Amino acid sequence: MLSVRPKVAELAFHVFSRSLHPELYRVHRTRRIERSAYHAQVNITNCGHVITWNTTGSAPVTICEVATSAHQPLPSKRCLISRSLKGSRTEKAECRLGVGYQTHFQLEPVDPDMFFMVQQQLCKQPTEGLLHTFDASGRMSLGALSYVNIETRQRSMLVQAIHTFPDDYAIVKVESLFSLPD
């Protein structure tokens, strides 16, 4: 089965205060994070990524970030943020029990030379994060890639994601911080 990207004009960014059913998306790479105060699952999907972050304890809080196609069927209940993935945006969400969530995402069209340089750098460097290279779409000989870097602390998790779109010479960058109250 081919694993190619949607068009960059079809991208959307959502944040939910609930987890999503895994059958809603196709996972290519995954990492599970376990800390004493929270746990998370980070997935590279066919369209972008899904991050599900859960606090532990008697009153758990869930935050689920999804970068995907606007055509992806997603629930409407408990959606905190729903935006087209265009331009550059900073968003925050108010969560229960003082849990913090903030993100900055941007869609950056670049010239072909810059695109190929970024793509090659991401493919060649050793990585501790998640990396997936997609099949070429047919129009371009180069497949898209997704790279997700995860930094954890006892009370927070920072995720930096880069998704490339060769057919559109575009790069999506997302940086999100999930944090517990002090």
C-alpha atoms as a PDB file:
ATOM      1  CA  MET A   1       0.000   0.000   0.000  1.00  0.00           C
ATOM      2  CA  LEU A   2       1.378   3.424  -0.929  1.00  0.00           C
ATOM      3  CA  SER A   3       1.852   5.980   1.818  1.00  0.00           C
ATOM      4  CA  VAL A   4       1.709   9.408   0.216  1.00  0.00           C
ATOM      5  CA  ARG A   5       0.674  12.800   1.566  1.00  0.00           C
ATOM      6  CA  PRO A   6      -2.431  14.874   0.949  1.00  0.00           C
ATOM      7  CA  LYS A   7      -2.036  18.228  -0.768  1.00  0.00           C
ATOM      8  CA  VAL A   8      -0.761  20.946   1.522  1.00  0.00           C
ATOM      9  CA  ALA A   9      -3.914  23.034   0.887  1.00  0.00           C
ATOM     10  CA  GLU A  10      -5.943  20.222   2.525  1.00  0.00           C
ATOM     11  CA  LEU A  11      -4.208  20.322   5.928  1.00  0.00           C
ATOM     12  CA  ALA A  12      -5.876  20.985   9.276  1.00  0.00           C
ATOM     13  CA  PHE A  13      -4.778  21.186  12.909  1.00  0.00           C
ATOM     14  CA  HIS A  14      -6.991  20.020  15.796  1.00  0.00           C
ATOM     15  CA  VAL A  15      -6.663  19.682  19.554  1.00  0.00           C
ATOM     16  CA  PHE A  16      -9.105  17.607  21.587  1.00  0.00           C
ATOM     17  CA  SER A  17      -9.653  17.076  25.305  1.00  0.00           C
ATOM     18  CA  ARG A  18     -10.085  13.372  24.608  1.00  0.00           C
ATOM     19  CA  SER A  19      -8.238  10.586  22.856  1.00  0.00           C
ATOM     20  CA  LEU A  20      -9.135   9.509  19.320  1.00  0.00           C
ATOM     21  CA  HIS A  21      -9.828   6.000  18.102  1.00  0.00           C
ATOM     22  CA  PRO A  22      -6.703   4.604  16.405  1.00  0.00           C
ATOM     23  CA  GLU A  23      -8.713   3.353  13.429  1.00  0.00           C
ATOM     24  CA  LEU A  24      -9.233   6.993  12.363  1.00  0.00           C
ATOM     25  CA  TYR A  25      -5.674   7.225  11.037  1.00  0.00           C
ATOM     26  CA  ARG A  26      -2.875   5.060   9.658  1.00  0.00           C
ATOM     27  CA  VAL A  27       0.208   4.941  11.900  1.00  0.00           C
ATOM     28  CA  HIS A  28       3.666   4.626  10.323  1.00  0.00           C
ATOM     29  CA  ARG A  29       5.888   5.209  13.385  1.00  0.00           C
ATOM     30  CA  THR A  30       5.066   5.402  17.073  1.00  0.00           C
ATOM     31  CA  ARG A  31       6.738   6.099  20.411  1.00  0.00           C
ATOM     32  CA  ARG A  32       5.339   5.701  23.905  1.00  0.00           C
ATOM     33  CA  ILE A  33       6.564   7.971  26.718  1.00  0.00           C
ATOM     34  CA  GLU A  34       6.131   7.071  30.402  1.00  0.00           C
ATOM     35  CA  ARG A  35       6.748   9.528  33.249  1.00  0.00           C
ATOM     36  CA  SER A  36       5.493   9.417  36.823  1.00  0.00           C
ATOM     37  CA  ALA A  37       2.992  12.271  36.284  1.00  0.00           C
ATOM     38  CA  TYR A  38       2.019  11.659  32.633  1.00  0.00           C
ATOM     39  CA  HIS A  39       2.267   9.307  29.697  1.00  0.00           C
ATOM     40  CA  ALA A  40       2.010   9.964  25.976  1.00  0.00           C
ATOM     41  CA  GLN A  41       1.845   8.294  22.612  1.00  0.00           C
ATOM     42  CA  VAL A  42       3.346  10.062  19.593  1.00  0.00           C
ATOM     43  CA  ASN A  43       2.390   8.756  16.137  1.00  0.00           C
ATOM     44  CA  ILE A  44       3.525   9.715  12.658  1.00  0.00           C
ATOM     45  CA  THR A  45       0.495   9.172  10.452  1.00  0.00           C
ATOM     46  CA  ASN A  46      -0.208   9.220   6.735  1.00  0.00           C
ATOM     47  CA  CYS A  47      -1.178  12.915   6.899  1.00  0.00           C
ATOM     48  CA  GLY A  48       0.991  14.259   9.723  1.00  0.00           C
ATOM     49  CA  HIS A  49       0.926  13.261  13.379  1.00  0.00           C
ATOM     50  CA  VAL A  50      -1.245  12.424  16.377  1.00  0.00           C
ATOM     51  CA  ILE A  51      -0.025  13.071  19.926  1.00  0.00           C
ATOM     52  CA  THR A  52      -2.081  11.812  22.858  1.00  0.00           C
ATOM     53  CA  TRP A  53      -0.901  13.097  26.251  1.00  0.00           C
ATOM     54  CA  ASN A  54      -2.504  11.915  29.502  1.00  0.00           C
ATOM     55  CA  THR A  55      -1.885  12.951  33.092  1.00  0.00           C
ATOM     56  CA  THR A  56      -1.876  10.229  35.718  1.00  0.00           C
ATOM     57  CA  GLY A  57      -3.680  10.332  39.022  1.00  0.00           C
ATOM     58  CA  SER A  58      -7.239  10.316  40.292  1.00  0.00           C
ATOM     59  CA  ALA A  59      -8.534  12.937  37.817  1.00  0.00           C
ATOM     60  CA  PRO A  60      -6.652  12.357  34.537  1.00  0.00           C
ATOM     61  CA  VAL A  61      -6.568  15.018  31.831  1.00  0.00           C
ATOM     62  CA  THR A  62      -6.177  14.092  28.152  1.00  0.00           C
ATOM     63  CA  ILE A  63      -4.940  16.328  25.335  1.00  0.00           C
ATOM     64  CA  CYS A  64      -4.829  15.012  21.770  1.00  0.00           C
ATOM     65  CA  GLU A  65      -3.128  17.028  18.999  1.00  0.00           C
ATOM     66  CA  VAL A  66      -3.785  16.068  15.387  1.00  0.00           C
ATOM     67  CA  ALA A  67      -2.117  17.437  12.238  1.00  0.00           C
ATOM     68  CA  THR A  68      -4.025  15.830   9.388  1.00  0.00           C
ATOM     69  CA  SER A  69      -6.051  16.278   6.224  1.00  0.00           C
ATOM     70  CA  ALA A  70      -9.102  18.526   6.462  1.00  0.00           C
ATOM     71  CA  HIS A  71     -11.008  15.623   4.875  1.00  0.00           C
ATOM     72  CA  GLN A  72     -10.114  13.268   7.726  1.00  0.00           C
ATOM     73  CA  PRO A  73     -13.298  12.346   9.622  1.00  0.00           C
ATOM     74  CA  LEU A  74     -12.801  13.458  13.224  1.00  0.00           C
ATOM     75  CA  PRO A  75     -15.232  13.842  16.121  1.00  0.00           C
ATOM     76  CA  SER A  76     -16.634  17.270  16.946  1.00  0.00           C
ATOM     77  CA  LYS A  77     -17.108  16.680  20.671  1.00  0.00           C
ATOM     78  CA  ARG A  78     -14.488  18.095  23.033  1.00  0.00           C
ATOM     79  CA  CYS A  79     -12.564  19.852  20.257  1.00  0.00           C
ATOM     80  CA  LEU A  80     -10.538  22.698  21.793  1.00  0.00           C
ATOM     81  CA  ILE A  81      -8.829  23.991  18.629  1.00  0.00           C
ATOM     82  CA  SER A  82      -9.697  23.510  14.968  1.00  0.00           C
ATOM     83  CA  ARG A  83      -7.762  25.500  12.361  1.00  0.00           C
ATOM     84  CA  SER A  84      -6.657  25.245   8.766  1.00  0.00           C
ATOM     85  CA  LEU A  85      -2.939  24.630   8.705  1.00  0.00           C
ATOM     86  CA  LYS A  86      -2.015  27.794   6.810  1.00  0.00           C
ATOM     87  CA  GLY A  87       0.427  30.569   7.541  1.00  0.00           C
ATOM     88  CA  SER A  88       1.783  30.833  11.078  1.00  0.00           C
ATOM     89  CA  ARG A  89      -0.272  30.605  14.282  1.00  0.00           C
ATOM     90  CA  THR A  90       0.235  30.366  18.017  1.00  0.00           C
ATOM     91  CA  GLU A  91      -2.547  28.760  20.034  1.00  0.00           C
ATOM     92  CA  LYS A  92      -3.208  27.954  23.696  1.00  0.00           C
ATOM     93  CA  ALA A  93      -5.885  25.792  25.223  1.00  0.00           C
ATOM     94  CA  GLU A  94      -7.414  26.042  28.671  1.00  0.00           C
ATOM     95  CA  CYS A  95      -7.374  22.599  30.225  1.00  0.00           C
ATOM     96  CA  ARG A  96      -8.802  21.167  33.430  1.00  0.00           C
ATOM     97  CA  LEU A  97      -6.832  21.223  36.683  1.00  0.00           C
ATOM     98  CA  GLY A  98      -4.335  23.816  35.421  1.00  0.00           C
ATOM     99  CA  VAL A  99      -2.827  21.575  32.751  1.00  0.00           C
ATOM    100  CA  GLY A 100      -1.140  23.704  30.096  1.00  0.00           C
ATOM    101  CA  TYR A 101      -1.070  23.301  26.339  1.00  0.00           C
ATOM    102  CA  GLN A 102       0.430  25.699  23.823  1.00  0.00           C
ATOM    103  CA  THR A 103       1.522  25.307  20.245  1.00  0.00           C
ATOM    104  CA  HIS A 104       3.012  27.199  17.359  1.00  0.00           C
ATOM    105  CA  PHE A 105       2.552  25.856  13.841  1.00  0.00           C
ATOM    106  CA  GLN A 106       3.420  27.188  10.429  1.00  0.00           C
ATOM    107  CA  LEU A 107       3.167  26.199   6.818  1.00  0.00           C
ATOM    108  CA  GLU A 108       6.188  27.475   4.946  1.00  0.00           C
ATOM    109  CA  PRO A 109       6.359  27.364   1.142  1.00  0.00           C
ATOM    110  CA  VAL A 110      10.011  27.311   0.057  1.00  0.00           C
ATOM    111  CA  ASP A 111      11.885  27.377  -3.231  1.00  0.00           C
ATOM    112  CA  PRO A 112      12.861  23.957  -4.648  1.00  0.00           C
ATOM    113  CA  ASP A 113      16.565  24.270  -3.777  1.00  0.00           C
ATOM    114  CA  MET A 114      15.817  25.079  -0.138  1.00  0.00           C
ATOM    115  CA  PHE A 115      13.248  22.273   0.003  1.00  0.00           C
ATOM    116  CA  PHE A 116      15.720  19.657  -1.260  1.00  0.00           C
ATOM    117  CA  MET A 117      18.415  20.889   1.148  1.00  0.00           C
ATOM    118  CA  VAL A 118      16.077  20.588   4.168  1.00  0.00           C
ATOM    119  CA  GLN A 119      14.822  17.189   3.004  1.00  0.00           C
ATOM    120  CA  GLN A 120      18.380  15.847   2.593  1.00  0.00           C
ATOM    121  CA  GLN A 121      19.508  17.184   5.979  1.00  0.00           C
ATOM    122  CA  LEU A 122      16.599  15.520   7.743  1.00  0.00           C
ATOM    123  CA  CYS A 123      17.215  12.195   5.968  1.00  0.00           C
ATOM    124  CA  LYS A 124      20.971  12.057   6.540  1.00  0.00           C
ATOM    125  CA  GLN A 125      21.436  13.154  10.127  1.00  0.00           C
ATOM    126  CA  PRO A 126      21.265  10.601  12.945  1.00  0.00           C
ATOM    127  CA  THR A 127      18.058  10.968  14.845  1.00  0.00           C
ATOM    128  CA  GLU A 128      16.757  10.118  18.284  1.00  0.00           C
ATOM    129  CA  GLY A 129      13.260  11.135  17.284  1.00  0.00           C
ATOM    130  CA  LEU A 130      10.785   9.459  14.984  1.00  0.00           C
ATOM    131  CA  LEU A 131      11.456   9.581  11.248  1.00  0.00           C
ATOM    132  CA  HIS A 132       9.359   8.213   8.403  1.00  0.00           C
ATOM    133  CA  THR A 133       9.952   8.599   4.666  1.00  0.00           C
ATOM    134  CA  PHE A 134       6.860   8.284   2.497  1.00  0.00           C
ATOM    135  CA  ASP A 135       6.615   6.863  -1.010  1.00  0.00           C
ATOM    136  CA  ALA A 136       6.946   9.288  -3.921  1.00  0.00           C
ATOM    137  CA  SER A 137       3.628  10.530  -5.278  1.00  0.00           C
ATOM    138  CA  GLY A 138       4.519   9.824  -8.890  1.00  0.00           C
ATOM    139  CA  ARG A 139       4.857  13.471  -9.864  1.00  0.00           C
ATOM    140  CA  MET A 140       8.085  13.818  -7.894  1.00  0.00           C
ATOM    141  CA  SER A 141      10.751  11.163  -7.462  1.00  0.00           C
ATOM    142  CA  LEU A 142      11.232  12.274  -3.869  1.00  0.00           C
ATOM    143  CA  GLY A 143       8.866  11.102  -1.119  1.00  0.00           C
ATOM    144  CA  ALA A 144       7.688  13.268   1.754  1.00  0.00           C
ATOM    145  CA  LEU A 145       9.052  12.786   5.235  1.00  0.00           C
ATOM    146  CA  SER A 146       7.991  13.364   8.810  1.00  0.00           C
ATOM    147  CA  TYR A 147      10.362  13.926  11.699  1.00  0.00           C
ATOM    148  CA  VAL A 148       9.198  14.249  15.313  1.00  0.00           C
ATOM    149  CA  ASN A 149      11.563  15.153  18.150  1.00  0.00           C
ATOM    150  CA  ILE A 150      10.369  14.610  21.726  1.00  0.00           C
ATOM    151  CA  GLU A 151      11.916  16.210  24.825  1.00  0.00           C
ATOM    152  CA  THR A 152      10.549  15.126  28.182  1.00  0.00           C
ATOM    153  CA  ARG A 153      10.877  16.538  31.677  1.00  0.00           C
ATOM    154  CA  GLN A 154       9.188  15.397  34.867  1.00  0.00           C
ATOM    155  CA  ARG A 155       6.315  17.879  34.462  1.00  0.00           C
ATOM    156  CA  SER A 156       6.321  18.689  30.739  1.00  0.00           C
ATOM    157  CA  MET A 157       6.815  17.364  27.233  1.00  0.00           C
ATOM    158  CA  LEU A 158       7.974  19.411  24.239  1.00  0.00           C
ATOM    159  CA  VAL A 159       7.305  18.016  20.765  1.00  0.00           C
ATOM    160  CA  GLN A 160       8.783  19.438  17.559  1.00  0.00           C
ATOM    161  CA  ALA A 161       7.448  18.035  14.285  1.00  0.00           C
ATOM    162  CA  ILE A 162       8.509  18.689  10.701  1.00  0.00           C
ATOM    163  CA  HIS A 163       6.453  17.376   7.780  1.00  0.00           C
ATOM    164  CA  THR A 164       7.557  17.896   4.176  1.00  0.00           C
ATOM    165  CA  PHE A 165       5.340  18.085   1.096  1.00  0.00           C
ATOM    166  CA  PRO A 166       7.474  17.663  -2.052  1.00  0.00           C
ATOM    167  CA  ASP A 167       4.630  18.192  -4.557  1.00  0.00           C
ATOM    168  CA  ASP A 168       4.019  21.654  -3.077  1.00  0.00           C
ATOM    169  CA  TYR A 169       7.599  22.514  -1.994  1.00  0.00           C
ATOM    170  CA  ALA A 170       6.229  23.154   1.472  1.00  0.00           C
ATOM    171  CA  ILE A 171       7.299  22.397   5.034  1.00  0.00           C
ATOM    172  CA  VAL A 172       4.990  22.221   8.046  1.00  0.00           C
ATOM    173  CA  LYS A 173       6.602  22.898  11.426  1.00  0.00           C
ATOM    174  CA  VAL A 174       4.795  22.321  14.718  1.00  0.00           C
ATOM    175  CA  GLU A 175       6.139  22.928  18.211  1.00  0.00           C
ATOM    176  CA  SER A 176       3.879  21.996  21.135  1.00  0.00           C
ATOM    177  CA  LEU A 177       4.313  22.085  24.906  1.00  0.00           C
ATOM    178  CA  PHE A 178       2.218  19.929  27.231  1.00  0.00           C
ATOM    179  CA  SER A 179       2.721  20.824  30.900  1.00  0.00           C
ATOM    180  CA  LEU A 180       1.492  20.144  34.399  1.00  0.00           C
ATOM    181  CA  PRO A 181       0.801  23.000  36.843  1.00  0.00           C
ATOM    182  CA  ASP A 182       3.576  23.969  39.271  1.00  0.00           C
END
